[in-house]
Protein backbone atom coordinates (compact mmCIF):
# COMPACT_ATOMS: atom_id res chain seq x y z
CA MET A 1 -0.93 -13.92 -58.72
CA LYS A 2 -2.68 -12.99 -61.97
CA THR A 3 0.58 -12.15 -63.70
CA LYS A 4 2.21 -15.40 -62.56
CA LEU A 5 -0.73 -17.40 -63.88
CA VAL A 6 -0.61 -15.66 -67.26
CA LEU A 7 3.14 -16.16 -67.46
CA SER A 8 2.77 -19.85 -66.63
CA ILE A 9 0.14 -20.34 -69.34
CA ALA A 10 2.22 -18.41 -71.85
CA LEU A 11 5.35 -20.43 -71.16
CA SER A 12 3.53 -23.76 -71.41
CA LEU A 13 2.04 -22.77 -74.75
CA LEU A 14 5.31 -21.47 -76.13
CA ILE A 15 7.35 -24.46 -75.07
CA GLY A 16 4.79 -26.60 -76.85
CA LEU A 17 5.47 -24.65 -80.02
CA GLY A 18 9.08 -25.80 -80.14
CA GLY A 19 8.06 -28.61 -82.53
CA CYS A 20 5.84 -26.47 -84.70
CA HIS A 21 6.41 -28.44 -87.88
CA SER A 22 4.14 -30.78 -89.76
CA ASN A 23 4.60 -34.01 -91.67
CA ARG A 24 1.46 -33.33 -93.62
CA ASN A 25 1.51 -32.33 -97.27
CA GLN A 26 2.06 -28.62 -97.81
CA SER A 27 -1.50 -28.19 -99.08
CA ASP A 28 -2.78 -29.62 -95.78
CA TYR A 29 -0.36 -27.70 -93.59
CA CYS A 30 -2.97 -25.30 -92.31
CA THR A 31 -6.39 -23.90 -93.11
CA VAL A 32 -7.53 -20.33 -92.59
CA LYS A 33 -11.29 -19.95 -92.22
CA GLY A 34 -13.01 -16.63 -91.75
CA THR A 35 -16.21 -14.67 -91.65
CA VAL A 36 -16.44 -11.10 -92.82
CA LYS A 37 -18.64 -8.06 -92.36
CA GLY A 38 -18.44 -4.95 -94.50
CA LEU A 39 -17.15 -6.60 -97.68
CA LYS A 40 -19.24 -7.66 -100.67
CA ASP A 41 -19.27 -11.19 -102.00
CA GLY A 42 -16.66 -11.51 -104.71
CA THR A 43 -14.15 -9.26 -102.92
CA LYS A 44 -10.66 -10.60 -103.54
CA LEU A 45 -8.48 -11.33 -100.53
CA GLU A 46 -4.82 -12.30 -100.24
CA LEU A 47 -2.30 -13.44 -97.66
CA GLN A 48 1.09 -11.73 -97.71
CA ASP A 49 4.06 -13.42 -96.03
CA GLU A 50 5.99 -10.83 -94.03
CA PHE A 51 9.06 -13.06 -93.74
CA GLN A 52 9.20 -13.30 -97.55
CA HIS A 53 9.04 -9.53 -98.01
CA PHE A 54 5.24 -9.57 -98.21
CA LYS A 55 5.05 -12.05 -101.06
CA VAL A 56 1.45 -13.05 -101.84
CA ILE A 57 1.21 -16.73 -100.89
CA ALA A 58 -2.54 -17.36 -101.17
CA ASN A 59 -5.65 -15.84 -102.74
CA THR A 60 -9.36 -16.31 -102.26
CA THR A 61 -12.67 -14.46 -102.56
CA VAL A 62 -15.48 -13.63 -100.17
CA LYS A 63 -18.53 -15.86 -100.67
CA ASP A 64 -21.68 -15.77 -98.55
CA GLY A 65 -19.89 -13.58 -96.02
CA ALA A 66 -17.07 -16.07 -95.52
CA PHE A 67 -13.68 -17.01 -96.94
CA GLU A 68 -11.16 -19.83 -96.74
CA PHE A 69 -7.45 -20.17 -97.54
CA HIS A 70 -5.25 -23.25 -97.92
CA PRO A 71 -1.75 -21.69 -98.04
CA ASN A 72 1.03 -23.72 -99.62
CA ILE A 73 3.76 -23.37 -97.00
CA SER A 74 6.00 -25.76 -95.08
CA SER A 75 6.81 -23.92 -91.85
CA PRO A 76 5.26 -21.25 -89.59
CA THR A 77 5.38 -17.63 -90.69
CA HIS A 78 3.70 -14.27 -90.05
CA VAL A 79 1.11 -13.14 -92.59
CA TYR A 80 -1.10 -10.16 -93.33
CA LEU A 81 -4.63 -10.49 -94.67
CA TYR A 82 -5.41 -7.82 -97.24
CA VAL A 83 -8.21 -6.86 -99.55
CA THR A 84 -6.20 -7.28 -102.75
CA ASN A 85 -4.23 -4.10 -103.51
CA LYS A 86 -6.12 -2.21 -100.84
CA LYS A 87 -6.85 -2.42 -97.14
CA GLN A 88 -5.07 -4.43 -94.44
CA LEU A 89 -7.59 -6.45 -92.45
CA LYS A 90 -5.64 -8.69 -90.05
CA ASP A 91 -2.25 -10.15 -89.26
CA PHE A 92 -1.53 -13.48 -87.58
CA ILE A 93 0.77 -16.50 -87.41
CA LEU A 94 0.35 -19.13 -90.11
CA GLU A 95 0.99 -22.49 -88.46
CA PRO A 96 -0.40 -26.05 -88.41
CA GLY A 97 -4.09 -26.33 -87.61
CA THR A 98 -7.30 -24.50 -88.40
CA ILE A 99 -6.93 -20.75 -87.95
CA LEU A 100 -10.14 -18.82 -87.33
CA VAL A 101 -10.48 -15.21 -88.40
CA GLU A 102 -13.41 -12.84 -87.85
CA VAL A 103 -13.25 -9.65 -89.91
CA ASP A 104 -15.29 -6.48 -89.54
CA ALA A 105 -14.03 -4.26 -92.33
CA ASP A 106 -16.10 -1.32 -91.07
CA ASP A 107 -14.45 -1.31 -87.63
CA GLU A 108 -11.15 0.61 -87.70
CA GLU A 109 -10.00 -1.16 -84.51
CA ASP A 110 -10.79 -4.67 -85.73
CA TYR A 111 -7.32 -5.20 -87.22
CA ARG A 112 -5.88 -5.29 -83.69
CA TYR A 113 -7.34 -8.71 -82.95
CA GLY A 114 -5.82 -11.10 -85.42
CA ALA A 115 -6.88 -14.75 -85.29
CA GLN A 116 -7.46 -17.65 -82.94
CA GLY A 117 -7.67 -21.44 -82.90
CA THR A 118 -3.95 -22.28 -82.86
CA PRO A 119 -1.42 -21.87 -80.01
CA SER A 120 0.54 -18.88 -81.32
CA ASN A 121 -2.54 -16.97 -82.37
CA ASP A 122 -4.37 -17.64 -79.11
CA ILE A 123 -1.49 -16.34 -77.02
CA GLU A 124 -0.95 -13.29 -79.25
CA ARG A 125 -4.66 -12.48 -79.08
CA ARG A 126 -4.47 -12.77 -75.29
CA TYR A 127 -1.52 -10.37 -75.27
CA ARG A 128 -3.33 -7.77 -77.39
CA THR A 129 -6.48 -8.02 -75.27
CA LEU A 130 -4.54 -7.46 -72.05
CA ALA A 131 -2.59 -4.57 -73.54
CA ASP A 132 -5.72 -2.87 -74.85
CA ASN A 133 -7.45 -3.31 -71.49
CA GLY A 134 -4.58 -1.55 -69.72
CA ASP A 135 -3.26 -4.65 -67.91
CA ASP A 136 0.33 -3.74 -68.76
CA GLU A 137 1.93 -6.04 -66.19
CA ALA A 138 0.21 -9.17 -67.49
CA ALA A 139 0.76 -8.16 -71.13
CA ARG A 140 4.44 -7.56 -70.43
CA ALA A 141 4.73 -10.98 -68.79
CA ILE A 142 3.40 -12.61 -71.94
CA MET A 143 5.70 -10.60 -74.20
CA ASP A 144 8.74 -11.43 -72.05
CA SER A 145 7.87 -15.13 -72.22
CA ILE A 146 7.49 -14.95 -76.00
CA LEU A 147 10.87 -13.26 -76.31
CA SER A 148 12.55 -15.58 -73.81
CA THR A 149 14.99 -18.37 -74.58
CA GLU A 150 12.09 -20.84 -74.58
CA GLN A 151 10.79 -19.48 -77.89
CA THR A 152 12.81 -19.42 -81.10
CA GLY A 153 10.20 -19.53 -83.86
CA ALA A 154 7.79 -17.41 -85.90
CA LEU A 155 5.93 -15.90 -82.94
CA ALA A 156 9.17 -14.67 -81.36
CA LEU A 157 10.29 -13.17 -84.67
CA ASP A 158 6.87 -11.53 -85.12
CA PHE A 159 7.04 -9.90 -81.67
CA ALA A 160 10.68 -8.95 -82.14
CA HIS A 161 9.96 -7.26 -85.46
CA ASN A 162 6.59 -5.65 -84.77
CA ILE A 163 6.15 -5.12 -81.03
CA CYS A 164 9.33 -5.15 -78.97
CA ASP A 165 11.00 -1.74 -78.64
CA SER A 166 14.25 -2.98 -77.07
CA THR A 167 16.93 -3.32 -79.75
CA ALA A 168 19.10 -5.42 -77.44
CA GLN A 169 16.23 -7.81 -76.70
CA VAL A 170 15.39 -8.11 -80.39
CA LEU A 171 19.00 -8.89 -81.31
CA GLY A 172 18.91 -11.63 -78.68
CA VAL A 173 15.91 -13.19 -80.38
CA LEU A 174 17.64 -13.13 -83.77
CA ASP A 175 20.66 -14.90 -82.28
CA ARG A 176 18.59 -17.94 -81.27
CA LEU A 177 16.07 -18.37 -84.09
CA THR A 178 15.49 -21.78 -85.62
CA PRO A 179 17.79 -22.43 -88.63
CA GLU A 180 14.93 -22.15 -91.12
CA LEU A 181 14.19 -18.62 -89.89
CA ALA A 182 17.77 -17.56 -89.17
CA ASN A 183 18.74 -18.25 -92.79
CA LEU A 184 16.04 -16.00 -94.29
CA ASP A 185 17.13 -12.87 -96.15
CA PHE A 186 14.43 -11.10 -94.13
CA VAL A 187 16.29 -11.82 -90.89
CA ALA A 188 19.70 -10.78 -92.24
CA GLU A 189 18.22 -7.50 -93.46
CA PHE A 190 16.40 -7.01 -90.16
CA ARG A 191 19.67 -7.40 -88.27
CA ASP A 192 21.29 -4.76 -90.51
CA ASP A 193 18.29 -2.49 -89.90
CA LEU A 194 18.70 -2.87 -86.16
CA MET A 195 22.31 -1.79 -86.30
CA ARG A 196 21.27 1.31 -88.26
CA ARG A 197 18.34 1.90 -85.93
CA LEU A 198 20.73 2.36 -83.05
CA LYS A 199 21.77 5.60 -84.76
CA THR A 200 18.21 6.99 -84.79
CA GLU A 201 17.07 5.87 -81.37
CA ALA A 202 17.05 8.20 -78.38
CA GLY A 203 20.40 9.94 -78.25
CA GLY A 204 21.05 9.91 -82.00
CA MET A 205 20.82 12.83 -84.43
CA TYR A 206 17.84 13.21 -86.71
CA ILE A 207 18.35 12.68 -90.45
CA ASP A 208 17.04 15.44 -92.69
CA MET A 209 14.50 14.92 -95.49
CA VAL A 210 12.57 17.07 -97.95
CA TYR A 211 9.29 16.10 -99.64
CA PRO A 212 6.24 17.92 -101.09
CA ASP A 213 3.08 18.82 -99.21
CA VAL A 214 -0.44 18.56 -100.71
CA ASN A 215 0.17 21.76 -102.67
CA GLY A 216 3.42 20.47 -104.14
CA ASN A 217 5.59 22.71 -101.98
CA PRO A 218 8.77 20.98 -100.74
CA ILE A 219 9.11 21.14 -96.96
CA ARG A 220 12.43 20.23 -95.42
CA LEU A 221 12.39 18.67 -91.96
CA SER A 222 15.35 20.84 -90.92
CA SER A 223 13.31 23.97 -91.72
CA VAL A 224 10.70 22.81 -89.21
CA VAL A 225 13.30 21.86 -86.61
CA ASN A 226 15.07 25.22 -87.03
CA ASN A 227 11.87 27.26 -86.83
CA PRO A 228 12.33 29.45 -83.72
CA ASN A 229 8.68 28.89 -82.77
CA ASN A 230 9.27 25.16 -82.38
CA ARG A 231 10.91 23.59 -79.37
CA TYR A 232 10.20 19.97 -80.29
CA VAL A 233 9.19 18.22 -83.51
CA LEU A 234 7.37 14.90 -83.57
CA VAL A 235 7.95 13.05 -86.85
CA ASP A 236 5.18 10.59 -87.69
CA PHE A 237 5.91 7.91 -90.32
CA TRP A 238 2.55 6.66 -91.61
CA ALA A 239 0.36 5.82 -94.63
CA THR A 240 -3.35 5.80 -95.42
CA TRP A 241 -3.20 2.06 -96.20
CA CYS A 242 -1.92 1.35 -92.67
CA SER A 243 -4.90 0.68 -90.38
CA SER A 244 -2.93 1.22 -87.19
CA CYS A 245 -1.60 4.52 -88.56
CA VAL A 246 -5.12 5.74 -89.29
CA ALA A 247 -6.28 4.60 -85.85
CA LYS A 248 -3.54 6.70 -84.26
CA ILE A 249 -4.58 9.97 -85.95
CA PRO A 250 -7.11 10.97 -83.26
CA GLU A 251 -4.40 10.52 -80.62
CA LEU A 252 -1.97 12.66 -82.59
CA THR A 253 -4.69 15.28 -83.04
CA GLU A 254 -5.10 15.50 -79.26
CA ILE A 255 -1.34 15.70 -78.70
CA TYR A 256 -1.03 18.46 -81.30
CA ALA A 257 -3.93 20.47 -79.90
CA LYS A 258 -2.54 20.19 -76.38
CA TYR A 259 1.08 21.12 -77.06
CA HIS A 260 1.32 23.02 -80.34
CA GLU A 261 0.94 26.47 -78.77
CA LYS A 262 3.65 25.52 -76.28
CA GLY A 263 6.17 24.69 -79.01
CA LEU A 264 5.40 21.27 -80.49
CA GLU A 265 5.15 20.74 -84.25
CA LEU A 266 4.25 17.54 -86.09
CA TYR A 267 5.88 16.50 -89.34
CA GLY A 268 3.87 13.72 -90.95
CA ILE A 269 5.74 11.78 -93.62
CA SER A 270 3.50 9.50 -95.69
CA LEU A 271 4.75 6.27 -97.26
CA ASP A 272 1.65 5.82 -99.38
CA VAL A 273 1.73 3.62 -102.46
CA TYR A 274 -0.43 6.10 -104.37
CA PRO A 275 0.34 9.75 -103.47
CA GLU A 276 -3.03 10.90 -104.80
CA GLU A 277 -4.79 8.78 -102.17
CA TRP A 278 -2.71 10.45 -99.47
CA GLU A 279 -3.43 13.91 -100.93
CA ASN A 280 -7.19 13.33 -101.00
CA TYR A 281 -7.12 11.89 -97.48
CA VAL A 282 -5.19 14.82 -96.00
CA LYS A 283 -7.21 17.47 -97.82
CA ALA A 284 -10.51 15.91 -96.72
CA ARG A 285 -9.44 16.03 -93.06
CA ASN A 286 -7.67 19.39 -93.18
CA PHE A 287 -4.83 18.32 -90.88
CA ALA A 288 -3.36 21.25 -88.97
CA TRP A 289 0.22 19.98 -88.89
CA VAL A 290 2.86 19.59 -91.60
CA ASN A 291 2.16 16.70 -93.98
CA VAL A 292 4.42 15.53 -96.80
CA CYS A 293 4.59 12.40 -98.94
CA GLU A 294 7.66 10.50 -100.06
CA GLY A 295 5.67 9.03 -102.94
CA CYS A 296 7.50 5.74 -103.30
CA GLY A 297 5.16 3.28 -101.64
CA GLY A 298 7.28 2.61 -98.56
CA GLY A 299 9.41 -0.42 -97.83
CA LYS A 300 13.15 -0.32 -97.39
CA LYS A 301 13.82 -1.37 -100.99
CA ASN A 302 12.03 1.71 -102.30
CA SER A 303 12.21 4.26 -99.54
CA LYS A 304 15.13 6.38 -98.42
CA VAL A 305 13.17 7.39 -95.34
CA TRP A 306 12.50 3.75 -94.45
CA TYR A 307 16.19 2.97 -94.83
CA ASP A 308 17.53 6.08 -93.06
CA TYR A 309 15.34 5.59 -89.99
CA SER A 310 15.49 1.79 -90.12
CA LEU A 311 11.74 1.41 -89.88
CA SER A 312 10.49 -2.07 -89.06
CA GLY A 313 6.93 -0.94 -89.64
CA ILE A 314 4.55 1.97 -89.31
CA PRO A 315 3.31 3.93 -87.50
CA THR A 316 6.65 4.99 -86.07
CA THR A 317 7.36 8.30 -84.35
CA VAL A 318 10.52 10.11 -83.29
CA LEU A 319 10.64 13.19 -81.07
CA ILE A 320 13.38 15.73 -81.88
CA ASP A 321 14.79 18.40 -79.59
CA CYS A 322 14.99 21.47 -81.83
CA GLN A 323 17.84 23.05 -79.85
CA THR A 324 20.21 20.12 -80.34
CA GLY A 325 18.77 18.11 -83.23
CA ILE A 326 18.96 15.04 -81.00
CA ILE A 327 16.22 12.42 -81.03
CA ILE A 328 14.98 12.17 -77.46
CA ALA A 329 12.27 9.51 -77.91
CA ARG A 330 11.28 6.89 -80.44
CA ASP A 331 8.02 4.96 -80.65
CA LYS A 332 6.62 6.09 -77.33
CA LYS A 333 3.05 5.07 -76.60
CA THR A 334 0.67 8.02 -76.68
CA ASP A 335 0.25 8.16 -72.90
CA GLU A 336 4.04 7.99 -72.43
CA LEU A 337 4.55 10.72 -75.01
CA ASP A 338 1.90 12.84 -73.34
CA ALA A 339 3.59 12.49 -69.95
CA MET A 340 6.97 13.31 -71.48
CA LEU A 341 5.66 16.44 -73.22
CA THR A 342 3.91 17.56 -70.04
CA GLU A 343 7.33 17.75 -68.41
CA LEU A 344 9.06 19.28 -71.41
CA LEU A 345 6.33 21.82 -72.23
CA PRO A 346 4.61 22.64 -68.91
């Protein structure tokens, strides 16, 4: 009953978003209002438009513990709120209305709960809350409704790009996007990425790489895969600027401690913008597993790793069978990965 109710609410909201356009002037299209903890007054903030390759579309500063944006856009999109040139704080849908954002920069989990006050953001916040509370059935019902034929706009593209792990389902979303989204270079490139991703999903062969560790020593992925002590290698694509990547480190630490002696090795590949920040971060925490840095700042335009593995975002993980070189899992949740490794490495 609970799942049906959630699904009904989700569908009604999403159908209502079919006309998510505004006749107002661009400067009045939407307002983003927020409060912030953990940042000093005068801190510079910016909104980056994911669908325009993270172009900065608005700037503001923190004043009296609050901030406000008036982005100059004409149609809904997915944006990231950043401390300028530094930390990611939130992500949410930019759409008509007043979008409310509460930021706690000192809480590493705060980024998970984006914004509220408009239909897309309210339903996405509901999805994240259900998922984090372990109500997988209700969360899945919302995601399925967002990715259904009823929804063809920015929220569907956001979920397709950043949450959905079914390549077939994502391609279906791209086939029915609104013309204004379907014609974006971002979408054409995403489609190409998906076709390449098929080669590095479960059943595909891993692609080798070689990058330096914190001591400047080059470490080739194939040397780790071919190490006779290793039965499986988990490759973790991450960066210190990525809040969700940092939040996942304790989970990876537990996985490593539990399975390393049984034959699991981790190969962390950083996509940091500034390699020295990655080096200081890794040295300060004395990670036990292999850590290397590509040193190009990430993004498919800069990064061979991003291109080869068709990353849509980070963190991303792939699990490699060392005997065959075949990828046997990609982007498993930590509990799913744990269950899988329990069977593989009893």
